[in-house]
Protein backbone atom coordinates (compact mmCIF):
# COMPACT_ATOMS: atom_id res chain seq x y z
CA MET A 1 33.06 66.25 27.75
CA ASN A 2 29.33 66.25 27.93
CA ILE A 3 28.94 65.88 24.20
CA LYS A 4 31.34 63.12 24.16
CA ARG A 5 29.67 61.18 26.89
CA HIS A 6 26.23 61.71 25.10
CA TRP A 7 27.43 60.10 21.85
CA LEU A 8 29.17 57.15 23.89
CA MET A 9 25.75 56.29 25.59
CA THR A 10 23.94 56.66 22.36
CA GLY A 11 26.14 54.11 20.55
CA ALA A 12 25.94 51.77 23.45
CA ALA A 13 22.14 51.79 23.15
CA VAL A 14 22.20 51.00 19.56
CA VAL A 15 24.44 48.09 19.92
CA MET A 16 22.21 46.60 22.79
CA ALA A 17 18.96 47.06 20.63
CA LEU A 18 20.63 45.38 17.60
CA GLY A 19 21.86 42.40 19.86
CA VAL A 20 18.52 41.84 21.47
CA GLY A 21 16.48 42.09 18.29
CA PHE A 22 18.74 39.92 16.08
CA GLY A 23 16.71 36.91 16.18
CA ALA A 24 13.54 38.41 14.94
CA ALA A 25 15.34 40.68 12.49
CA ARG A 26 16.82 37.89 10.48
CA LEU A 27 13.47 37.42 8.65
CA THR A 28 12.56 40.98 8.28
CA GLY A 29 15.72 42.60 7.39
CA ALA A 30 15.74 46.31 8.03
CA GLY A 31 12.73 47.82 9.70
CA ALA A 32 10.97 48.50 12.80
CA ALA A 33 12.93 47.12 15.97
CA PRO A 34 11.13 43.85 17.17
CA GLU A 35 10.06 43.19 20.83
CA ALA A 36 12.54 41.73 22.79
CA ASP A 37 12.15 38.00 23.98
CA HIS A 38 13.25 36.19 27.08
CA HIS A 39 16.18 33.93 25.65
CA GLU A 40 19.69 34.58 26.25
CA GLU A 41 21.85 35.85 23.08
CA GLY A 42 23.24 32.76 21.49
CA GLU A 43 21.02 30.18 23.08
CA ALA A 44 19.60 27.90 20.63
CA PRO A 45 15.75 27.74 20.29
CA PRO A 46 13.89 24.64 21.03
CA GLU A 47 13.77 22.09 18.24
CA GLY A 48 11.19 22.83 15.73
CA PHE A 49 10.72 26.38 17.08
CA VAL A 50 11.05 29.64 15.21
CA ARG A 51 11.43 32.66 17.56
CA LEU A 52 9.47 35.55 15.85
CA ASN A 53 6.86 37.82 17.63
CA ALA A 54 3.55 38.93 15.97
CA ALA A 55 4.68 42.27 14.85
CA ALA A 56 8.00 41.04 13.08
CA ALA A 57 5.79 38.19 11.57
CA ALA A 58 3.45 40.55 9.87
CA GLN A 59 6.36 43.01 8.79
CA ALA A 60 7.94 39.75 7.17
CA GLY A 61 4.83 38.77 5.36
CA VAL A 62 3.76 36.01 7.56
CA SER A 63 -0.05 35.93 8.25
CA ILE A 64 -1.69 34.27 11.23
CA VAL A 65 -4.97 32.52 10.63
CA GLY A 66 -7.42 30.29 12.37
CA VAL A 67 -8.11 26.50 11.64
CA GLU A 68 -11.51 26.27 9.92
CA ARG A 69 -14.13 23.23 9.71
CA GLY A 70 -15.67 22.45 6.60
CA GLY A 71 -19.03 20.87 5.94
CA GLY A 72 -17.31 17.84 4.61
CA ALA A 73 -14.58 17.10 2.35
CA GLU A 74 -15.08 16.38 -1.32
CA LEU A 75 -13.41 13.66 -3.02
CA LYS A 76 -13.06 13.43 -7.01
CA LEU A 77 -12.48 9.91 -7.96
CA PRO A 78 -11.57 8.28 -11.30
CA GLY A 79 -13.57 4.84 -11.94
CA ARG A 80 -15.47 2.74 -14.10
CA VAL A 81 -18.68 0.61 -14.52
CA ALA A 82 -18.02 -2.93 -13.76
CA PHE A 83 -19.90 -6.19 -13.20
CA ALA A 84 -21.20 -6.89 -9.87
CA PRO A 85 -19.66 -9.98 -8.10
CA GLY A 86 -21.10 -13.10 -9.66
CA ALA A 87 -22.67 -11.20 -12.67
CA GLU A 88 -19.80 -12.51 -14.92
CA ALA A 89 -18.56 -16.06 -15.54
CA VAL A 90 -15.37 -17.11 -17.55
CA VAL A 91 -16.48 -20.71 -18.62
CA ASP A 92 -13.66 -23.20 -19.03
CA ALA A 93 -14.21 -26.83 -20.45
CA PRO A 94 -14.02 -29.26 -17.60
CA VAL A 95 -11.92 -31.58 -19.50
CA ALA A 96 -9.54 -31.47 -22.56
CA GLY A 97 -10.70 -32.57 -25.86
CA THR A 98 -12.06 -31.60 -29.37
CA VAL A 99 -14.80 -29.11 -29.92
CA MET A 100 -17.37 -30.94 -31.84
CA ARG A 101 -20.28 -28.14 -31.96
CA VAL A 102 -20.77 -24.49 -30.70
CA HIS A 103 -24.13 -23.92 -29.52
CA VAL A 104 -24.10 -20.06 -29.27
CA GLY A 105 -22.69 -17.08 -30.60
CA PRO A 106 -21.49 -13.82 -29.13
CA GLY A 107 -24.29 -11.71 -28.18
CA ASP A 108 -26.62 -14.61 -27.61
CA ARG A 109 -28.70 -14.95 -24.52
CA VAL A 110 -28.39 -18.12 -22.70
CA ALA A 111 -30.20 -19.63 -19.50
CA ALA A 112 -28.38 -21.14 -16.58
CA GLY A 113 -27.47 -24.56 -17.57
CA GLY A 114 -27.69 -23.64 -21.21
CA ALA A 115 -25.35 -25.45 -23.62
CA LEU A 116 -22.58 -23.60 -24.98
CA VAL A 117 -20.22 -26.24 -26.65
CA THR A 118 -19.98 -29.83 -27.11
CA LEU A 119 -16.70 -31.74 -27.14
CA ARG A 120 -15.36 -35.21 -27.38
CA SER A 121 -12.67 -36.16 -24.72
CA PRO A 122 -10.75 -39.23 -24.10
CA ASP A 123 -10.50 -38.33 -20.43
CA GLY A 124 -14.25 -38.05 -20.42
CA ALA A 125 -14.87 -41.38 -22.00
CA GLY A 126 -12.40 -42.85 -19.36
CA SER A 127 -14.22 -41.47 -16.55
CA ARG A 128 -17.77 -42.79 -17.78
CA ALA A 129 -16.05 -46.11 -18.24
CA THR A 130 -14.89 -46.14 -14.67
CA VAL A 131 -18.62 -45.30 -13.71
CA ASP A 132 -20.12 -48.08 -15.70
CA ALA A 133 -17.38 -50.35 -14.23
CA ALA A 134 -18.28 -49.05 -10.60
CA GLN A 135 -21.93 -49.60 -11.08
CA ALA A 136 -21.56 -53.29 -12.22
CA ALA A 137 -19.28 -54.09 -9.30
CA ALA A 138 -21.97 -52.54 -6.88
CA ASP A 139 -24.65 -54.30 -8.51
CA ALA A 140 -22.79 -57.58 -7.95
CA ALA A 141 -21.87 -56.90 -4.55
CA ARG A 142 -25.34 -55.93 -3.51
CA ALA A 143 -26.66 -59.33 -5.29
CA ALA A 144 -24.17 -61.18 -3.24
CA GLU A 145 -25.42 -59.64 -0.10
CA ARG A 146 -28.92 -60.56 -0.85
CA ARG A 147 -28.03 -64.23 -1.46
CA ASP A 148 -25.86 -64.54 1.57
CA ARG A 149 -28.66 -63.08 3.67
CA ALA A 150 -31.28 -65.30 2.49
CA LEU A 151 -28.91 -68.24 3.07
CA PHE A 152 -28.30 -66.94 6.59
CA ASP A 153 -31.85 -66.77 7.33
CA GLN A 154 -32.29 -70.52 6.09
CA GLY A 155 -29.30 -71.36 8.48
CA TRP A 156 -26.91 -72.34 5.67
CA VAL A 157 -24.21 -69.61 6.18
CA ALA A 158 -22.64 -68.08 9.33
CA GLN A 159 -22.95 -64.64 10.58
CA ALA A 160 -19.15 -63.98 9.73
CA ARG A 161 -20.00 -64.73 6.06
CA LEU A 162 -23.05 -62.53 5.75
CA ASP A 163 -20.96 -59.63 7.65
CA ILE A 164 -18.23 -59.82 4.95
CA THR A 165 -20.51 -59.66 1.78
CA ALA A 166 -22.44 -56.92 3.47
CA ALA A 167 -19.02 -55.08 3.95
CA GLU A 168 -18.20 -55.59 0.06
CA ALA A 169 -21.41 -54.37 -0.80
CA ARG A 170 -20.87 -50.93 1.22
CA ARG A 171 -17.42 -50.77 -0.24
CA ALA A 172 -18.63 -51.16 -3.90
CA GLU A 173 -21.29 -48.55 -3.32
CA ALA A 174 -18.71 -46.02 -1.99
CA GLU A 175 -16.47 -46.66 -5.34
CA LEU A 176 -19.53 -45.94 -7.41
CA ARG A 177 -20.34 -42.67 -5.59
CA ALA A 178 -16.67 -41.55 -6.34
CA ALA A 179 -16.78 -42.50 -9.80
CA ARG A 180 -19.95 -40.52 -10.40
CA ALA A 181 -18.48 -37.56 -8.60
CA ARG A 182 -15.49 -37.59 -11.01
CA ALA A 183 -17.68 -38.08 -13.98
CA GLY A 184 -19.68 -35.16 -12.85
CA ALA A 185 -16.55 -32.77 -12.50
CA TYR A 186 -16.06 -33.86 -16.01
CA GLY A 187 -19.34 -32.58 -17.19
CA ALA A 188 -21.28 -36.00 -17.06
CA PRO A 189 -19.59 -37.31 -20.34
CA SER A 190 -21.48 -39.82 -22.50
CA ALA A 191 -20.20 -43.22 -23.30
CA ASP A 192 -18.37 -42.01 -26.34
CA GLY A 193 -16.72 -39.18 -24.32
CA ALA A 194 -19.11 -36.40 -25.37
CA VAL A 195 -19.23 -33.62 -23.06
CA VAL A 196 -21.66 -30.87 -23.01
CA VAL A 197 -20.11 -27.45 -21.45
CA ARG A 198 -23.10 -25.43 -19.80
CA SER A 199 -23.17 -21.89 -18.61
CA PRO A 200 -23.35 -21.62 -14.91
CA ILE A 201 -25.42 -18.32 -14.98
CA ALA A 202 -28.20 -16.76 -17.24
CA GLY A 203 -26.94 -13.82 -19.28
CA VAL A 204 -25.39 -13.00 -22.61
CA VAL A 205 -22.40 -14.36 -24.27
CA THR A 206 -19.90 -11.51 -24.32
CA THR A 207 -16.94 -13.64 -25.75
CA LEU A 208 -16.47 -16.95 -27.47
CA ARG A 209 -13.29 -18.52 -27.78
CA ALA A 210 -14.27 -22.00 -29.21
CA ALA A 211 -14.62 -23.09 -32.56
CA PRO A 212 -15.50 -26.57 -34.15
CA GLY A 213 -12.56 -28.78 -34.48
CA GLN A 214 -10.45 -26.74 -32.08
CA VAL A 215 -8.52 -28.78 -29.69
CA LEU A 216 -8.77 -27.84 -26.11
CA HIS A 217 -5.94 -28.64 -23.76
CA GLU A 218 -5.08 -28.26 -19.99
CA GLU A 219 -3.19 -24.90 -20.60
CA ALA A 220 -6.08 -23.58 -22.67
CA LEU A 221 -9.56 -24.68 -21.82
CA GLN A 222 -11.51 -21.39 -21.80
CA VAL A 223 -14.66 -21.53 -24.00
CA ALA A 224 -16.68 -18.29 -23.46
CA THR A 225 -17.54 -15.51 -21.27
CA VAL A 226 -21.14 -14.94 -20.04
CA ALA A 227 -22.44 -11.85 -18.17
CA ASP A 228 -25.70 -10.57 -16.69
CA LEU A 229 -25.77 -7.12 -18.39
CA GLY A 230 -28.08 -5.88 -15.69
CA ARG A 231 -25.96 -6.66 -12.84
CA VAL A 232 -23.33 -3.76 -12.70
CA GLU A 233 -21.80 -1.56 -10.09
CA LEU A 234 -19.25 1.61 -9.99
CA VAL A 235 -15.92 0.92 -8.91
CA PHE A 236 -13.72 3.85 -7.94
CA GLU A 237 -10.07 4.25 -7.04
CA ALA A 238 -9.39 6.53 -3.99
CA PRO A 239 -6.25 7.92 -2.11
CA PRO A 240 -5.31 5.97 1.39
CA ALA A 241 -6.64 9.04 3.27
CA ALA A 242 -9.98 8.22 1.73
CA ALA A 243 -10.47 5.13 3.70
CA ALA A 244 -10.93 7.26 6.95
CA LEU A 245 -13.26 9.77 5.25
CA LEU A 246 -15.71 7.50 3.29
CA LYS A 247 -18.17 5.10 4.43
CA ALA A 248 -21.16 3.00 3.46
CA GLY A 249 -24.12 5.04 2.48
CA ASP A 250 -22.33 8.12 1.15
CA SER A 251 -23.78 9.54 -1.98
CA LEU A 252 -21.94 10.21 -4.99
CA ASN A 253 -22.44 11.98 -8.41
CA SER A 254 -20.71 10.49 -11.26
CA SER A 255 -20.33 11.92 -14.88
CA VAL A 256 -19.72 10.28 -18.21
CA PRO A 257 -18.87 12.41 -21.14
CA GLY A 258 -21.71 12.82 -23.49
CA GLU A 259 -24.17 11.00 -21.16
CA ALA A 260 -26.67 11.97 -18.44
CA PRO A 261 -25.43 12.49 -14.89
CA LEU A 262 -25.02 9.01 -12.76
CA SER A 263 -25.67 9.00 -9.18
CA GLY A 264 -24.97 6.01 -6.59
CA VAL A 265 -24.42 5.01 -3.03
CA VAL A 266 -21.22 3.67 -1.41
CA THR A 267 -21.73 0.06 -0.62
CA ALA A 268 -18.22 -1.16 0.22
CA ILE A 269 -14.84 0.17 0.80
CA ALA A 270 -11.73 -2.19 0.66
CA PRO A 271 -8.50 -1.49 2.58
CA PRO A 272 -5.64 0.09 0.72
CA ASP A 273 -3.81 -2.33 -1.64
CA VAL A 274 0.01 -2.86 -1.69
CA ALA A 275 0.04 0.25 -4.06
CA GLY A 276 -1.92 2.33 -1.43
CA VAL A 277 -5.17 2.55 -3.53
CA VAL A 278 -8.61 2.22 -1.96
CA ARG A 279 -11.19 0.41 -3.93
CA VAL A 280 -14.52 2.32 -3.52
CA ARG A 281 -17.85 0.08 -4.62
CA ALA A 282 -21.12 1.85 -5.31
CA ARG A 283 -24.53 0.79 -6.23
CA PRO A 284 -25.97 2.89 -9.10
CA THR A 285 -29.21 4.27 -9.44
CA GLY A 286 -31.07 5.07 -12.63
CA ALA A 287 -29.87 4.24 -16.26
CA VAL A 288 -26.12 2.72 -16.30
CA PRO A 289 -23.72 2.92 -18.99
CA PRO A 290 -22.32 -0.39 -20.22
CA ALA A 291 -19.75 -2.37 -18.24
CA GLY A 292 -16.20 -1.13 -18.94
CA THR A 293 -17.32 2.48 -19.47
CA VAL A 294 -14.76 4.99 -17.76
CA ILE A 295 -16.49 7.60 -15.26
CA SER A 296 -15.38 10.02 -12.59
CA ALA A 297 -17.35 10.82 -9.35
CA ARG A 298 -17.40 13.52 -6.67
CA VAL A 299 -18.04 12.35 -3.14
CA ARG A 300 -19.22 14.52 -0.34
CA THR A 301 -17.75 13.10 2.81
CA GLY A 302 -17.70 14.14 6.40
CA ALA A 303 -20.37 15.74 8.73
CA GLN A 304 -22.56 18.87 7.91
CA GLY A 305 -23.10 21.84 9.73
CA GLY A 306 -19.89 23.33 10.65
CA SER A 307 -18.53 20.28 12.22
CA GLY A 308 -16.63 18.57 9.56
CA THR A 309 -13.23 18.08 8.81
CA LEU A 310 -10.47 20.56 9.78
CA THR A 311 -9.13 22.65 6.90
CA VAL A 312 -6.07 25.00 6.63
CA PRO A 313 -4.82 27.21 3.71
CA MET A 314 -2.79 25.44 1.22
CA ASP A 315 0.06 27.66 1.99
CA ALA A 316 0.07 26.75 5.53
CA VAL A 317 1.20 23.07 5.02
CA GLN A 318 4.96 22.96 4.57
CA THR A 319 7.21 19.76 4.50
CA VAL A 320 9.33 19.75 7.57
CA ALA A 321 11.90 16.80 8.26
CA GLY A 322 10.16 14.83 5.59
CA ALA A 323 6.37 15.37 7.23
CA ALA A 324 3.63 17.52 6.46
CA SER A 325 3.58 20.19 9.14
CA VAL A 326 1.76 23.55 9.90
CA PHE A 327 3.35 26.43 12.14
CA VAL A 328 1.25 26.85 15.14
CA ALA A 329 1.78 30.29 16.83
CA GLU A 330 3.07 30.09 20.51
CA GLY A 331 4.56 32.49 22.97
CA GLY A 332 7.28 34.38 21.09
CA GLY A 333 7.24 32.54 17.86
CA PHE A 334 6.07 29.46 15.78
CA ARG A 335 6.33 25.56 16.48
CA ALA A 336 6.15 23.10 13.53
CA HIS A 337 3.42 20.53 14.07
CA PRO A 338 3.29 17.35 12.18
CA VAL A 339 -0.15 16.68 10.73
CA VAL A 340 -1.94 14.16 8.59
CA VAL A 341 -3.42 15.73 5.31
CA GLY A 342 -6.31 14.58 3.25
CA ARG A 343 -7.57 16.09 -0.08
CA THR A 344 -7.08 19.69 -1.20
CA VAL A 345 -10.08 21.40 -2.37
CA ASP A 346 -10.57 25.05 -3.35
CA GLY A 347 -7.24 26.08 -2.10
CA ARG A 348 -7.76 24.54 1.47
CA VAL A 349 -6.24 21.21 2.64
CA GLU A 350 -7.90 18.56 5.15
CA ILE A 351 -6.11 18.00 8.35
CA LEU A 352 -6.95 14.51 9.31
CA SER A 353 -4.97 14.51 12.66
CA GLY A 354 -2.35 16.73 14.38
CA LEU A 355 -4.65 19.66 15.19
CA THR A 356 -7.38 20.29 17.39
CA GLY A 357 -9.16 23.05 15.62
CA THR A 358 -8.46 25.81 18.17
CA GLU A 359 -4.96 26.68 17.09
CA ARG A 360 -3.73 29.86 15.46
CA ILE A 361 -1.25 29.03 12.63
CA ALA A 362 1.04 30.68 10.02
CA GLY A 363 -0.97 30.89 6.62
CA ALA A 364 0.51 32.80 3.84
CA GLY A 365 4.25 33.09 4.20
CA ALA A 366 4.60 29.93 6.18
CA PHE A 367 7.36 28.97 3.92
CA LEU A 368 9.64 31.64 5.26
CA LEU A 369 9.22 30.16 8.67
CA LYS A 370 10.35 26.89 7.27
CA ALA A 371 13.42 28.49 5.55
CA GLU A 372 14.32 30.25 8.89
CA LEU A 373 14.00 27.03 10.68
CA ALA A 374 16.23 25.19 8.31
CA LYS A 375 18.59 28.08 8.60
CA GLY A 376 18.76 28.14 12.24
CA GLU A 377 19.17 24.38 12.38
CA ALA A 378 22.25 24.60 9.88
CA GLU A 379 23.83 27.47 12.04
CA HIS A 380 23.42 25.32 15.37
CA GLY A 381 24.77 22.26 13.74
CA HIS A 382 28.25 23.67 13.28
């Protein structure tokens, strides 16, 4: 009887130990018995929580690490050399017409206001004729006003008559000003409709699209492109998270295959466009390759001296419910915390928000917690 009672008590103890440690043993399989937790058997864990103590986590291959702070994040950005705002002008003819003469060629330097092409335009001739007619009408109106004023001084005409002629003179002068403005917009054509198209900036003719005898119409008026080759900047494309990391004044180092290193300073950061791309503009220092050259840059961002961006091992970041998350160690297990991530540098991921920096988190093996979390939610969903 004593032997039978001994084996019955031993069997009951084994069953109780297996029941208490079942939640933790699911990750580890066979091995040392885990510590008991305080949850009732069969009770569903809180949402996003995996019950697993430190000993069982270590046995399963889940490491627990701290959140670190880097001395700033490093971004690698693709980019190009581009003309600075206002350094390039695409010149269109102000009016349709036939090209009579081309004054420059590709590569020629021109001054601001320098002639590019001369064309003859019927519209230009019409605008000049309108100016001439308005000039004649204004001259006549002013002469009439002078005559009536002299007669009024002699007492031959009434005040009302003088007021009318003075008003007519003002109206004619207004019409003359409007006609001159329209002709100016057409390039101040001559009486025969000749219009000289001029460069709005000083620079080099980079493209020329006009040729003698060519007819320019309203759908195709482009004549040439003029650029100031000395006014260039560096333009880069950055991921959306860079908008919160970069700031004006950050230094960058660029590289061009086969060329000397190129450095610059960030001058402007545009908000993300519809495609989620952030445009970063920088002022270059030193010699700069020609506009259009493809370059790449490394930008060091964030504070220095150990107070920079939070970083975690790349293995620590898992996608849970469609969001980047890390598993933070809490009493009796791990809880998935959503985070906003930045760049990945040297096997570590920037954490832009979601952590304070004091947490202990699952590093290597965090994917096992993700799998266990998904398994537990599937079981309790039935």
